[in-house]
Structures are given as C-alpha cells and as structure tokens.
Amino acid sequence: MDQSDGALIENFLKTKDLSNFKALIRRYQNRVYSAAYRILGNAEEAEEVVQDTFVKVHQNLDKFKNQACFSSWLFRITHNLCMDIMRTKQRRNGFLLLSFDPQSGEEDSPTKIGDLPDEMPNPAQQLDSEEQGQVIAESITKLPDYQRTVLVLHDLEGFSYQEIADITGASIGTVRSRLHYGRIKLRELLEPYFSFSTVSTVSR
C-alpha cells in the first residue's frame, strides 16, 4: 500500500532515507511538469521548473510540518517559479506582469476545459483527437498569465478555489473571476474549431 504524503515526509525527516523523498517525486513530477508546461508553453522551461521545484521542496521540507496540504504547498512553489520565469521574459520584452484583473460577482462560469466536445469539429476543419488536444493546448497559452494559471490548476489539475487561492496568494473571489474570464476567453479562441451549441455551462 502506498504511504500518504505525510507519512513519506515524516519518514524522510526522521531517517533521511532518500527513497521516501524519491517516492514523493515519482508521485508528483508528472503533474508538476504538466502544470508548468501548460502555464509556460515551453517544454524546456517546464523541465527546469520541475527540477527547481523539487530542489526547493527538499531544501524546505522540514519547514512544511503538515501546516497545509502537501500538494497545495508543492504547487505554490511550482506556481512561484513559473511566475518568476514569466516576469523575466516580460521584462526582457519591456512589459511588466500584471496581477490585476476585473472582478465579477457572477458565479456562473462558461464551459470548463473538461467539458469541451470530443467529436464536434467544425465541418471545414476535421480535427482528430490529437489535433484537438494541440489546438486546446495552444489556445491555453494565449490566455493572460493569471487566467491561464488558474484555469490550469482548476480545470486540469483539479484544485479547489481555496487551494488555488493558497497556491497563488489571491483571494477566492479573484480566483473565481480569473477562472470565469479565462473560460470566456478560451471559448472565444476555440470557437473557430468547435461547436459549443450542445455544451452546457457549469455553475460553481
């Protein structure tokens, strides 16, 4: 039986047996890479984030002490590293990373990524499943950074609003707003490729 995150951490801190830490890496490295790649849109940068994330986890694991959910703590580190990379790139391009976005009191959100139709391509553009996945992935990278991050964490990684708030340092209201507008923008980007006529909206 697989040990819980807490048990692996406790055993590692007590014994310094690296097999416990390696078990944590195996458990989360694919998810960390997937989230970083979708946020950054670059495989090499995503691999760098994975390495740096687990280096920081190793260096600071004794400070964790089960104060929060380990996965939330882990992805907060991942998120911060991704933000650092994006800030660096934007400074090079003469821009600043903006953290402000309009607030919305609405809790009804458009279609989430997981609800996108699997077999409803535009007749003029017959896309197979692999091409559809590529179109969606490329469209996600076109979202503003703050919307893309929340959308990836919620719709693709399955984190709750509260967990995303903990990871990003934003309020739950801001998380809801960013997800709401991110889904609207993504839907607009995908409109040329998919029909949404039979896809219901998701209420949160």
N, C-alpha and C. Protein backbone atom coordinates (compact mmCIF):
# COMPACT_ATOMS: atom_id res chain seq x y z
N MET A 1 0.84 -1.20 0.00
CA MET A 1 0.00 0.00 0.00
C MET A 1 0.87 1.25 0.00
N ASP A 2 0.52 2.20 -0.86
CA ASP A 2 1.30 3.44 -0.92
C ASP A 2 1.13 4.24 0.36
N GLN A 3 2.23 4.80 0.83
CA GLN A 3 2.16 5.64 2.01
C GLN A 3 1.61 7.01 1.65
N SER A 4 0.99 7.67 2.61
CA SER A 4 0.47 9.01 2.38
C SER A 4 1.64 9.98 2.24
N ASP A 5 1.34 11.16 1.72
CA ASP A 5 2.37 12.20 1.61
C ASP A 5 2.96 12.49 2.99
N GLY A 6 2.08 12.62 3.97
CA GLY A 6 2.54 12.94 5.31
C GLY A 6 3.47 11.89 5.88
N ALA A 7 3.16 10.62 5.62
CA ALA A 7 4.00 9.53 6.13
C ALA A 7 5.36 9.54 5.45
N LEU A 8 5.37 9.78 4.14
CA LEU A 8 6.64 9.84 3.42
C LEU A 8 7.50 10.99 3.92
N ILE A 9 6.88 12.13 4.16
CA ILE A 9 7.62 13.29 4.65
C ILE A 9 8.17 13.02 6.04
N GLU A 10 7.32 12.47 6.90
CA GLU A 10 7.75 12.19 8.28
C GLU A 10 8.91 11.19 8.30
N ASN A 11 8.79 10.14 7.50
CA ASN A 11 9.85 9.13 7.45
C ASN A 11 11.15 9.72 6.91
N PHE A 12 11.04 10.56 5.89
CA PHE A 12 12.24 11.17 5.32
C PHE A 12 12.94 12.08 6.34
N LEU A 13 12.15 12.89 7.03
CA LEU A 13 12.73 13.81 8.00
C LEU A 13 13.37 13.07 9.18
N LYS A 14 12.78 11.93 9.53
CA LYS A 14 13.31 11.16 10.65
C LYS A 14 14.55 10.36 10.28
N THR A 15 14.51 9.73 9.11
CA THR A 15 15.56 8.78 8.74
C THR A 15 16.52 9.31 7.68
N LYS A 16 16.12 10.38 6.97
CA LYS A 16 16.90 10.91 5.84
C LYS A 16 17.07 9.86 4.73
N ASP A 17 16.17 8.91 4.72
CA ASP A 17 16.19 7.88 3.68
C ASP A 17 15.63 8.49 2.39
N LEU A 18 16.48 8.62 1.38
CA LEU A 18 16.07 9.28 0.15
C LEU A 18 14.97 8.55 -0.60
N SER A 19 14.76 7.28 -0.30
CA SER A 19 13.72 6.54 -1.00
C SER A 19 12.34 7.15 -0.74
N ASN A 20 12.17 7.74 0.45
CA ASN A 20 10.90 8.39 0.77
C ASN A 20 10.72 9.66 -0.06
N PHE A 21 11.78 10.42 -0.20
CA PHE A 21 11.69 11.65 -0.99
C PHE A 21 11.52 11.32 -2.47
N LYS A 22 12.19 10.29 -2.94
CA LYS A 22 12.05 9.89 -4.34
C LYS A 22 10.63 9.42 -4.63
N ALA A 23 9.97 8.83 -3.62
CA ALA A 23 8.58 8.41 -3.79
C ALA A 23 7.68 9.61 -4.00
N LEU A 24 7.96 10.70 -3.28
CA LEU A 24 7.21 11.94 -3.47
C LEU A 24 7.42 12.49 -4.88
N ILE A 25 8.68 12.44 -5.33
CA ILE A 25 8.98 12.94 -6.68
C ILE A 25 8.22 12.13 -7.72
N ARG A 26 8.26 10.82 -7.60
CA ARG A 26 7.56 9.96 -8.57
C ARG A 26 6.06 10.24 -8.56
N ARG A 27 5.53 10.54 -7.40
CA ARG A 27 4.10 10.76 -7.25
C ARG A 27 3.65 12.05 -7.93
N TYR A 28 4.50 13.07 -7.92
CA TYR A 28 4.06 14.39 -8.36
C TYR A 28 4.78 14.96 -9.57
N GLN A 29 5.89 14.36 -10.01
CA GLN A 29 6.68 15.02 -11.05
C GLN A 29 5.91 15.20 -12.36
N ASN A 30 5.08 14.22 -12.74
CA ASN A 30 4.34 14.36 -13.99
C ASN A 30 3.30 15.47 -13.90
N ARG A 31 2.64 15.58 -12.73
CA ARG A 31 1.65 16.64 -12.56
C ARG A 31 2.31 18.01 -12.54
N VAL A 32 3.45 18.11 -11.88
CA VAL A 32 4.17 19.39 -11.84
C VAL A 32 4.60 19.78 -13.25
N TYR A 33 5.14 18.82 -14.00
CA TYR A 33 5.56 19.11 -15.37
C TYR A 33 4.36 19.54 -16.22
N SER A 34 3.26 18.80 -16.10
CA SER A 34 2.08 19.10 -16.90
C SER A 34 1.57 20.51 -16.62
N ALA A 35 1.48 20.88 -15.34
CA ALA A 35 1.00 22.22 -14.98
C ALA A 35 1.97 23.28 -15.47
N ALA A 36 3.26 23.07 -15.26
CA ALA A 36 4.27 24.06 -15.67
C ALA A 36 4.27 24.23 -17.19
N TYR A 37 4.15 23.12 -17.91
CA TYR A 37 4.16 23.20 -19.38
C TYR A 37 2.94 23.97 -19.89
N ARG A 38 1.77 23.71 -19.29
CA ARG A 38 0.57 24.39 -19.74
C ARG A 38 0.58 25.87 -19.38
N ILE A 39 1.24 26.20 -18.28
CA ILE A 39 1.33 27.61 -17.89
C ILE A 39 2.36 28.34 -18.75
N LEU A 40 3.50 27.70 -18.98
CA LEU A 40 4.61 28.35 -19.68
C LEU A 40 4.61 28.12 -21.19
N GLY A 41 4.06 26.99 -21.61
CA GLY A 41 4.03 26.68 -23.04
C GLY A 41 5.39 26.34 -23.61
N ASN A 42 6.31 25.91 -22.75
CA ASN A 42 7.67 25.60 -23.20
C ASN A 42 8.19 24.38 -22.44
N ALA A 43 8.58 23.34 -23.17
CA ALA A 43 8.98 22.09 -22.55
C ALA A 43 10.25 22.23 -21.72
N GLU A 44 11.24 22.94 -22.25
CA GLU A 44 12.50 23.10 -21.53
C GLU A 44 12.30 23.88 -20.23
N GLU A 45 11.51 24.93 -20.30
CA GLU A 45 11.23 25.72 -19.09
C GLU A 45 10.44 24.89 -18.08
N ALA A 46 9.52 24.07 -18.58
CA ALA A 46 8.74 23.21 -17.68
C ALA A 46 9.64 22.21 -16.97
N GLU A 47 10.58 21.63 -17.69
CA GLU A 47 11.53 20.69 -17.08
C GLU A 47 12.38 21.39 -16.03
N GLU A 48 12.78 22.61 -16.33
CA GLU A 48 13.56 23.40 -15.37
C GLU A 48 12.74 23.66 -14.10
N VAL A 49 11.46 23.96 -14.28
CA VAL A 49 10.59 24.20 -13.12
C VAL A 49 10.45 22.94 -12.28
N VAL A 50 10.31 21.79 -12.92
CA VAL A 50 10.21 20.53 -12.18
C VAL A 50 11.45 20.33 -11.31
N GLN A 51 12.62 20.50 -11.90
CA GLN A 51 13.87 20.32 -11.15
C GLN A 51 13.97 21.31 -10.00
N ASP A 52 13.69 22.58 -10.29
CA ASP A 52 13.80 23.61 -9.26
C ASP A 52 12.76 23.43 -8.16
N THR A 53 11.58 22.97 -8.55
CA THR A 53 10.52 22.74 -7.55
C THR A 53 10.97 21.72 -6.52
N PHE A 54 11.50 20.60 -6.98
CA PHE A 54 11.85 19.54 -6.03
C PHE A 54 13.14 19.87 -5.27
N VAL A 55 13.98 20.70 -5.85
CA VAL A 55 15.14 21.19 -5.09
C VAL A 55 14.65 22.04 -3.92
N LYS A 56 13.70 22.93 -4.19
CA LYS A 56 13.16 23.79 -3.13
C LYS A 56 12.38 22.97 -2.11
N VAL A 57 11.66 21.98 -2.57
CA VAL A 57 10.93 21.11 -1.64
C VAL A 57 11.91 20.42 -0.71
N HIS A 58 12.98 19.87 -1.28
CA HIS A 58 14.00 19.18 -0.48
C HIS A 58 14.63 20.12 0.54
N GLN A 59 14.89 21.35 0.11
CA GLN A 59 15.55 22.32 0.99
C GLN A 59 14.64 22.80 2.11
N ASN A 60 13.33 22.78 1.89
CA ASN A 60 12.40 23.39 2.84
C ASN A 60 11.40 22.42 3.44
N LEU A 61 11.60 21.14 3.22
CA LEU A 61 10.62 20.16 3.69
C LEU A 61 10.47 20.17 5.21
N ASP A 62 11.55 20.47 5.91
CA ASP A 62 11.47 20.49 7.37
C ASP A 62 10.61 21.66 7.86
N LYS A 63 10.37 22.65 6.99
CA LYS A 63 9.54 23.80 7.37
C LYS A 63 8.07 23.56 7.07
N PHE A 64 7.78 22.50 6.31
CA PHE A 64 6.40 22.23 5.91
C PHE A 64 5.57 21.79 7.12
N LYS A 65 5.97 20.73 7.77
CA LYS A 65 5.37 20.25 9.02
C LYS A 65 3.85 20.15 8.94
N ASN A 66 3.35 19.67 7.80
CA ASN A 66 1.92 19.42 7.65
C ASN A 66 1.05 20.64 7.97
N GLN A 67 1.57 21.84 7.73
CA GLN A 67 0.80 23.04 8.01
C GLN A 67 -0.32 23.22 6.98
N ALA A 68 -0.20 22.57 5.85
CA ALA A 68 -1.21 22.66 4.80
C ALA A 68 -1.16 21.36 4.00
N CYS A 69 -2.03 21.27 3.01
CA CYS A 69 -1.99 20.12 2.11
C CYS A 69 -0.67 20.14 1.35
N PHE A 70 0.05 19.01 1.32
CA PHE A 70 1.35 18.99 0.68
C PHE A 70 1.25 19.36 -0.79
N SER A 71 0.22 18.85 -1.49
CA SER A 71 0.12 19.16 -2.93
C SER A 71 -0.08 20.65 -3.16
N SER A 72 -0.84 21.32 -2.28
CA SER A 72 -1.03 22.77 -2.42
C SER A 72 0.29 23.50 -2.19
N TRP A 73 1.03 23.07 -1.17
CA TRP A 73 2.33 23.67 -0.88
C TRP A 73 3.29 23.46 -2.05
N LEU A 74 3.30 22.24 -2.58
CA LEU A 74 4.16 21.91 -3.71
C LEU A 74 3.83 22.77 -4.93
N PHE A 75 2.55 22.89 -5.24
CA PHE A 75 2.16 23.64 -6.43
C PHE A 75 2.29 25.14 -6.20
N ARG A 76 2.31 25.60 -4.96
CA ARG A 76 2.60 27.01 -4.71
C ARG A 76 4.05 27.31 -5.11
N ILE A 77 4.94 26.38 -4.81
CA ILE A 77 6.34 26.53 -5.23
C ILE A 77 6.43 26.52 -6.76
N THR A 78 5.73 25.58 -7.37
CA THR A 78 5.71 25.50 -8.84
C THR A 78 5.17 26.79 -9.44
N HIS A 79 4.07 27.27 -8.90
CA HIS A 79 3.46 28.50 -9.40
C HIS A 79 4.42 29.67 -9.30
N ASN A 80 5.08 29.81 -8.16
CA ASN A 80 6.01 30.93 -7.97
C ASN A 80 7.17 30.86 -8.96
N LEU A 81 7.67 29.67 -9.22
CA LEU A 81 8.76 29.51 -10.18
C LEU A 81 8.30 29.87 -11.59
N CYS A 82 7.08 29.46 -11.95
CA CYS A 82 6.54 29.81 -13.26
C CYS A 82 6.37 31.32 -13.38
N MET A 83 5.88 31.96 -12.32
CA MET A 83 5.71 33.41 -12.35
C MET A 83 7.06 34.11 -12.51
N ASP A 84 8.09 33.59 -11.84
CA ASP A 84 9.43 34.18 -11.97
C ASP A 84 9.91 34.13 -13.42
N ILE A 85 9.69 33.00 -14.07
CA ILE A 85 10.11 32.84 -15.46
C ILE A 85 9.35 33.81 -16.36
N MET A 86 8.04 33.91 -16.14
CA MET A 86 7.24 34.80 -16.98
C MET A 86 7.58 36.26 -16.75
N ARG A 87 7.86 36.63 -15.50
CA ARG A 87 8.26 38.01 -15.22
C ARG A 87 9.57 38.34 -15.92
N THR A 88 10.50 37.38 -15.87
CA THR A 88 11.80 37.59 -16.52
C THR A 88 11.62 37.79 -18.02
N LYS A 89 10.80 36.97 -18.65
CA LYS A 89 10.57 37.08 -20.08
C LYS A 89 9.87 38.39 -20.43
N GLN A 90 8.93 38.80 -19.60
CA GLN A 90 8.20 40.02 -19.90
C GLN A 90 9.06 41.26 -19.69
N ARG A 91 9.95 41.20 -18.72
CA ARG A 91 10.87 42.32 -18.53
C ARG A 91 11.78 42.46 -19.75
N ARG A 92 12.20 41.32 -20.29
CA ARG A 92 13.04 41.36 -21.48
C ARG A 92 12.30 41.99 -22.65
N ASN A 93 10.99 41.78 -22.67
CA ASN A 93 10.19 42.34 -23.76
C ASN A 93 9.67 43.74 -23.44
N GLY A 94 10.06 44.26 -22.27
CA GLY A 94 9.67 45.61 -21.91
C GLY A 94 8.31 45.72 -21.28
N PHE A 95 7.78 44.59 -20.76
CA PHE A 95 6.48 44.62 -20.13
C PHE A 95 6.59 44.17 -18.68
N LEU A 96 5.59 44.54 -17.89
CA LEU A 96 5.50 44.08 -16.52
C LEU A 96 4.36 43.08 -16.41
N LEU A 97 4.53 42.09 -15.55
CA LEU A 97 3.47 41.11 -15.32
C LEU A 97 2.37 41.78 -14.50
N LEU A 98 1.16 41.85 -15.04
CA LEU A 98 0.05 42.50 -14.35
C LEU A 98 -0.71 41.47 -13.52
N SER A 99 -0.97 41.80 -12.27
CA SER A 99 -1.71 40.89 -11.41
C SER A 99 -3.17 41.30 -11.29
N PHE A 100 -3.53 42.48 -11.84
CA PHE A 100 -4.90 42.96 -11.72
C PHE A 100 -5.77 42.40 -12.82
N ASP A 101 -7.00 42.01 -12.45
CA ASP A 101 -7.98 41.68 -13.47
C ASP A 101 -9.34 42.09 -12.95
N PRO A 102 -10.31 42.34 -13.82
CA PRO A 102 -11.62 42.80 -13.37
C PRO A 102 -12.31 41.76 -12.50
N GLN A 103 -13.00 42.23 -11.49
CA GLN A 103 -13.73 41.34 -10.59
C GLN A 103 -15.14 41.13 -11.13
N SER A 104 -15.66 39.98 -10.89
CA SER A 104 -17.02 39.68 -11.32
C SER A 104 -17.78 39.08 -10.16
N GLY A 105 -18.99 39.55 -9.95
CA GLY A 105 -19.81 38.99 -8.89
C GLY A 105 -20.52 37.73 -9.32
N GLU A 106 -20.43 37.39 -10.60
CA GLU A 106 -21.12 36.21 -11.10
C GLU A 106 -20.36 34.96 -10.73
N GLU A 107 -21.13 33.91 -10.38
CA GLU A 107 -20.51 32.64 -10.05
C GLU A 107 -20.78 31.61 -11.13
N ASP A 108 -21.60 31.97 -12.13
CA ASP A 108 -21.84 31.06 -13.24
C ASP A 108 -20.69 31.19 -14.22
N SER A 109 -20.05 30.08 -14.53
CA SER A 109 -18.89 30.11 -15.41
C SER A 109 -19.20 29.42 -16.72
N PRO A 110 -18.56 29.83 -17.81
CA PRO A 110 -18.73 29.14 -19.08
C PRO A 110 -18.18 27.73 -19.02
N THR A 111 -18.23 27.06 -20.12
CA THR A 111 -17.78 25.68 -20.20
C THR A 111 -16.35 25.51 -19.72
N LYS A 112 -16.12 24.50 -18.89
CA LYS A 112 -14.77 24.21 -18.45
C LYS A 112 -14.07 23.36 -19.49
N ILE A 113 -12.75 23.28 -19.40
CA ILE A 113 -11.97 22.57 -20.41
C ILE A 113 -12.43 21.13 -20.57
N GLY A 114 -12.67 20.48 -19.44
CA GLY A 114 -13.05 19.07 -19.48
C GLY A 114 -14.37 18.82 -20.17
N ASP A 115 -15.20 19.89 -20.36
CA ASP A 115 -16.49 19.73 -20.99
C ASP A 115 -16.47 20.05 -22.48
N LEU A 116 -15.30 20.37 -23.01
CA LEU A 116 -15.22 20.65 -24.44
C LEU A 116 -15.58 19.40 -25.23
N PRO A 117 -16.30 19.57 -26.32
CA PRO A 117 -16.75 18.39 -27.09
C PRO A 117 -15.59 17.62 -27.67
N ASP A 118 -15.70 16.30 -27.62
CA ASP A 118 -14.65 15.44 -28.16
C ASP A 118 -14.79 15.23 -29.66
N GLU A 119 -16.04 15.24 -30.15
CA GLU A 119 -16.24 14.90 -31.56
C GLU A 119 -17.21 15.88 -32.22
N MET A 120 -16.92 17.18 -32.06
CA MET A 120 -17.77 18.18 -32.68
C MET A 120 -16.94 19.22 -33.44
N PRO A 121 -16.10 18.78 -34.37
CA PRO A 121 -15.26 19.73 -35.10
C PRO A 121 -16.07 20.53 -36.11
N ASN A 122 -15.57 21.71 -36.42
CA ASN A 122 -16.14 22.50 -37.50
C ASN A 122 -16.05 21.66 -38.78
N PRO A 123 -17.11 21.59 -39.55
CA PRO A 123 -17.07 20.77 -40.78
C PRO A 123 -15.92 21.14 -41.70
N ALA A 124 -15.50 22.41 -41.66
CA ALA A 124 -14.43 22.85 -42.55
C ALA A 124 -13.07 22.45 -42.03
N GLN A 125 -13.02 22.00 -40.79
CA GLN A 125 -11.73 21.66 -40.19
C GLN A 125 -11.89 20.38 -39.37
N GLN A 126 -11.80 19.26 -40.02
CA GLN A 126 -11.97 17.98 -39.37
C GLN A 126 -10.72 17.66 -38.55
N LEU A 127 -10.82 17.84 -37.25
CA LEU A 127 -9.67 17.62 -36.38
C LEU A 127 -9.79 16.28 -35.68
N ASP A 128 -8.70 15.50 -35.70
CA ASP A 128 -8.71 14.28 -34.91
C ASP A 128 -8.40 14.63 -33.46
N SER A 129 -8.49 13.65 -32.56
CA SER A 129 -8.35 13.92 -31.13
C SER A 129 -7.00 14.52 -30.79
N GLU A 130 -5.95 14.06 -31.47
CA GLU A 130 -4.62 14.60 -31.19
C GLU A 130 -4.53 16.06 -31.60
N GLU A 131 -5.09 16.37 -32.76
CA GLU A 131 -5.08 17.75 -33.23
C GLU A 131 -5.93 18.64 -32.33
N GLN A 132 -7.06 18.11 -31.84
CA GLN A 132 -7.90 18.86 -30.93
C GLN A 132 -7.14 19.22 -29.67
N GLY A 133 -6.42 18.23 -29.13
CA GLY A 133 -5.63 18.47 -27.93
C GLY A 133 -4.59 19.54 -28.15
N GLN A 134 -3.98 19.53 -29.34
CA GLN A 134 -2.96 20.52 -29.65
C GLN A 134 -3.58 21.91 -29.78
N VAL A 135 -4.74 21.99 -30.41
CA VAL A 135 -5.43 23.27 -30.56
C VAL A 135 -5.79 23.84 -29.19
N ILE A 136 -6.30 22.99 -28.31
CA ILE A 136 -6.68 23.45 -26.97
C ILE A 136 -5.44 23.91 -26.21
N ALA A 137 -4.37 23.12 -26.26
CA ALA A 137 -3.14 23.47 -25.55
C ALA A 137 -2.58 24.80 -26.05
N GLU A 138 -2.58 24.99 -27.36
CA GLU A 138 -2.05 26.24 -27.92
C GLU A 138 -2.94 27.42 -27.55
N SER A 139 -4.25 27.19 -27.49
CA SER A 139 -5.17 28.26 -27.13
C SER A 139 -4.98 28.67 -25.67
N ILE A 140 -4.71 27.69 -24.80
CA ILE A 140 -4.49 27.99 -23.39
C ILE A 140 -3.30 28.92 -23.22
N THR A 141 -2.25 28.72 -24.02
CA THR A 141 -1.05 29.55 -23.89
C THR A 141 -1.31 30.99 -24.31
N LYS A 142 -2.42 31.25 -25.01
CA LYS A 142 -2.73 32.61 -25.46
C LYS A 142 -3.50 33.40 -24.40
N LEU A 143 -3.91 32.73 -23.33
CA LEU A 143 -4.62 33.43 -22.26
C LEU A 143 -3.65 34.30 -21.47
N PRO A 144 -4.14 35.37 -20.84
CA PRO A 144 -3.29 36.12 -19.92
C PRO A 144 -2.74 35.20 -18.83
N ASP A 145 -1.55 35.50 -18.35
CA ASP A 145 -0.86 34.60 -17.41
C ASP A 145 -1.72 34.24 -16.22
N TYR A 146 -2.37 35.24 -15.60
CA TYR A 146 -3.11 34.98 -14.38
C TYR A 146 -4.35 34.13 -14.63
N GLN A 147 -4.99 34.28 -15.80
CA GLN A 147 -6.13 33.44 -16.15
C GLN A 147 -5.68 32.03 -16.49
N ARG A 148 -4.60 31.92 -17.24
CA ARG A 148 -4.09 30.61 -17.65
C ARG A 148 -3.72 29.77 -16.43
N THR A 149 -3.06 30.38 -15.46
CA THR A 149 -2.63 29.66 -14.27
C THR A 149 -3.82 29.10 -13.50
N VAL A 150 -4.83 29.92 -13.26
CA VAL A 150 -6.00 29.48 -12.51
C VAL A 150 -6.76 28.40 -13.27
N LEU A 151 -6.89 28.59 -14.58
CA LEU A 151 -7.62 27.61 -15.39
C LEU A 151 -6.92 26.26 -15.39
N VAL A 152 -5.60 26.26 -15.51
CA VAL A 152 -4.84 25.01 -15.48
C VAL A 152 -5.00 24.32 -14.13
N LEU A 153 -4.86 25.08 -13.05
CA LEU A 153 -4.92 24.50 -11.71
C LEU A 153 -6.31 23.95 -11.41
N HIS A 154 -7.36 24.65 -11.86
CA HIS A 154 -8.72 24.21 -11.54
C HIS A 154 -9.24 23.14 -12.50
N ASP A 155 -9.26 23.47 -13.80
CA ASP A 155 -9.91 22.57 -14.76
C ASP A 155 -9.05 21.37 -15.15
N LEU A 156 -7.73 21.51 -15.08
CA LEU A 156 -6.86 20.41 -15.50
C LEU A 156 -6.23 19.67 -14.33
N GLU A 157 -5.90 20.38 -13.25
CA GLU A 157 -5.27 19.73 -12.10
C GLU A 157 -6.25 19.43 -10.98
N GLY A 158 -7.43 19.98 -11.05
CA GLY A 158 -8.48 19.62 -10.10
C GLY A 158 -8.42 20.27 -8.73
N PHE A 159 -7.68 21.35 -8.59
CA PHE A 159 -7.61 22.03 -7.30
C PHE A 159 -8.88 22.84 -7.06
N SER A 160 -9.26 22.95 -5.79
CA SER A 160 -10.43 23.74 -5.41
C SER A 160 -10.09 25.22 -5.43
N TYR A 161 -11.13 26.07 -5.32
CA TYR A 161 -10.90 27.51 -5.27
C TYR A 161 -9.99 27.87 -4.10
N GLN A 162 -10.26 27.27 -2.94
CA GLN A 162 -9.46 27.59 -1.76
C GLN A 162 -8.01 27.17 -1.96
N GLU A 163 -7.80 25.99 -2.52
CA GLU A 163 -6.43 25.52 -2.76
C GLU A 163 -5.71 26.43 -3.75
N ILE A 164 -6.41 26.86 -4.78
CA ILE A 164 -5.79 27.76 -5.76
C ILE A 164 -5.47 29.11 -5.12
N ALA A 165 -6.36 29.57 -4.25
CA ALA A 165 -6.10 30.81 -3.53
C ALA A 165 -4.83 30.68 -2.69
N ASP A 166 -4.67 29.51 -2.04
CA ASP A 166 -3.47 29.27 -1.24
C ASP A 166 -2.22 29.22 -2.12
N ILE A 167 -2.35 28.60 -3.28
CA ILE A 167 -1.22 28.43 -4.19
C ILE A 167 -0.78 29.77 -4.78
N THR A 168 -1.75 30.56 -5.22
CA THR A 168 -1.43 31.79 -5.95
C THR A 168 -1.34 33.03 -5.06
N GLY A 169 -1.86 32.93 -3.84
CA GLY A 169 -1.86 34.08 -2.96
C GLY A 169 -2.96 35.07 -3.27
N ALA A 170 -3.92 34.67 -4.11
CA ALA A 170 -5.05 35.52 -4.45
C ALA A 170 -6.25 35.17 -3.58
N SER A 171 -7.24 36.06 -3.54
CA SER A 171 -8.46 35.76 -2.80
C SER A 171 -9.31 34.78 -3.60
N ILE A 172 -10.26 34.13 -2.92
CA ILE A 172 -11.14 33.20 -3.62
C ILE A 172 -11.96 33.94 -4.68
N GLY A 173 -12.39 35.17 -4.35
CA GLY A 173 -13.13 35.96 -5.33
C GLY A 173 -12.32 36.24 -6.59
N THR A 174 -11.04 36.53 -6.40
CA THR A 174 -10.16 36.77 -7.55
C THR A 174 -9.97 35.50 -8.36
N VAL A 175 -9.82 34.36 -7.67
CA VAL A 175 -9.69 33.08 -8.35
C VAL A 175 -10.92 32.81 -9.21
N ARG A 176 -12.10 33.01 -8.63
CA ARG A 176 -13.35 32.79 -9.37
C ARG A 176 -13.41 33.70 -10.60
N SER A 177 -13.05 34.96 -10.41
CA SER A 177 -13.09 35.93 -11.52
C SER A 177 -12.14 35.53 -12.63
N ARG A 178 -10.92 35.18 -12.26
CA ARG A 178 -9.92 34.81 -13.28
C ARG A 178 -10.36 33.56 -14.04
N LEU A 179 -10.94 32.60 -13.33
CA LEU A 179 -11.41 31.38 -13.99
C LEU A 179 -12.57 31.72 -14.93
N HIS A 180 -13.47 32.55 -14.44
CA HIS A 180 -14.64 32.94 -15.24
C HIS A 180 -14.22 33.58 -16.56
N TYR A 181 -13.36 34.60 -16.48
CA TYR A 181 -12.94 35.31 -17.68
C TYR A 181 -11.98 34.47 -18.54
N GLY A 182 -11.20 33.60 -17.88
CA GLY A 182 -10.31 32.71 -18.63
C GLY A 182 -11.09 31.75 -19.49
N ARG A 183 -12.20 31.21 -18.94
CA ARG A 183 -13.03 30.29 -19.71
C ARG A 183 -13.70 31.01 -20.88
N ILE A 184 -14.16 32.23 -20.63
CA ILE A 184 -14.78 33.01 -21.71
C ILE A 184 -13.77 33.23 -22.84
N LYS A 185 -12.57 33.64 -22.48
CA LYS A 185 -11.54 33.90 -23.49
C LYS A 185 -11.16 32.63 -24.23
N LEU A 186 -11.01 31.53 -23.49
CA LEU A 186 -10.65 30.26 -24.14
C LEU A 186 -11.74 29.82 -25.10
N ARG A 187 -12.98 30.00 -24.68
CA ARG A 187 -14.09 29.63 -25.56
C ARG A 187 -14.05 30.44 -26.86
N GLU A 188 -13.73 31.73 -26.75
CA GLU A 188 -13.63 32.57 -27.94
C GLU A 188 -12.51 32.08 -28.85
N LEU A 189 -11.38 31.70 -28.25
CA LEU A 189 -10.25 31.24 -29.04
C LEU A 189 -10.56 29.92 -29.75
N LEU A 190 -11.39 29.09 -29.14
CA LEU A 190 -11.70 27.77 -29.71
C LEU A 190 -12.91 27.78 -30.63
N GLU A 191 -13.62 28.90 -30.66
CA GLU A 191 -14.85 28.97 -31.45
C GLU A 191 -14.66 28.56 -32.91
N PRO A 192 -13.55 28.93 -33.56
CA PRO A 192 -13.39 28.53 -34.97
C PRO A 192 -13.25 27.02 -35.16
N TYR A 193 -12.91 26.29 -34.09
CA TYR A 193 -12.61 24.87 -34.22
C TYR A 193 -13.72 23.97 -33.70
N PHE A 194 -14.52 24.48 -32.74
CA PHE A 194 -15.52 23.64 -32.09
C PHE A 194 -16.87 24.32 -32.09
N SER A 195 -17.92 23.48 -32.05
CA SER A 195 -19.26 23.98 -31.86
C SER A 195 -19.63 23.76 -30.40
N PHE A 196 -20.15 24.79 -29.74
CA PHE A 196 -20.50 24.69 -28.32
C PHE A 196 -22.01 24.67 -28.12
N SER A 197 -22.74 24.44 -29.17
CA SER A 197 -24.19 24.59 -29.10
C SER A 197 -24.82 23.61 -28.13
N THR A 198 -24.21 22.44 -27.93
CA THR A 198 -24.82 21.43 -27.05
C THR A 198 -24.08 21.30 -25.74
N VAL A 199 -23.14 22.20 -25.47
CA VAL A 199 -22.37 22.11 -24.25
C VAL A 199 -22.99 23.02 -23.20
N SER A 200 -23.35 22.47 -22.08
CA SER A 200 -23.98 23.25 -21.01
C SER A 200 -22.94 24.01 -20.22
N THR A 201 -23.38 25.12 -19.60
CA THR A 201 -22.46 25.88 -18.76
C THR A 201 -22.34 25.23 -17.41
N VAL A 202 -21.29 25.58 -16.70
CA VAL A 202 -21.00 24.99 -15.41
C VAL A 202 -21.19 26.03 -14.33
N SER A 203 -21.95 25.75 -13.34
CA SER A 203 -22.14 26.68 -12.22
C SER A 203 -21.26 26.27 -11.07
N ARG A 204 -20.68 27.24 -10.41
CA ARG A 204 -19.82 26.97 -9.25
C ARG A 204 -20.40 27.66 -8.03
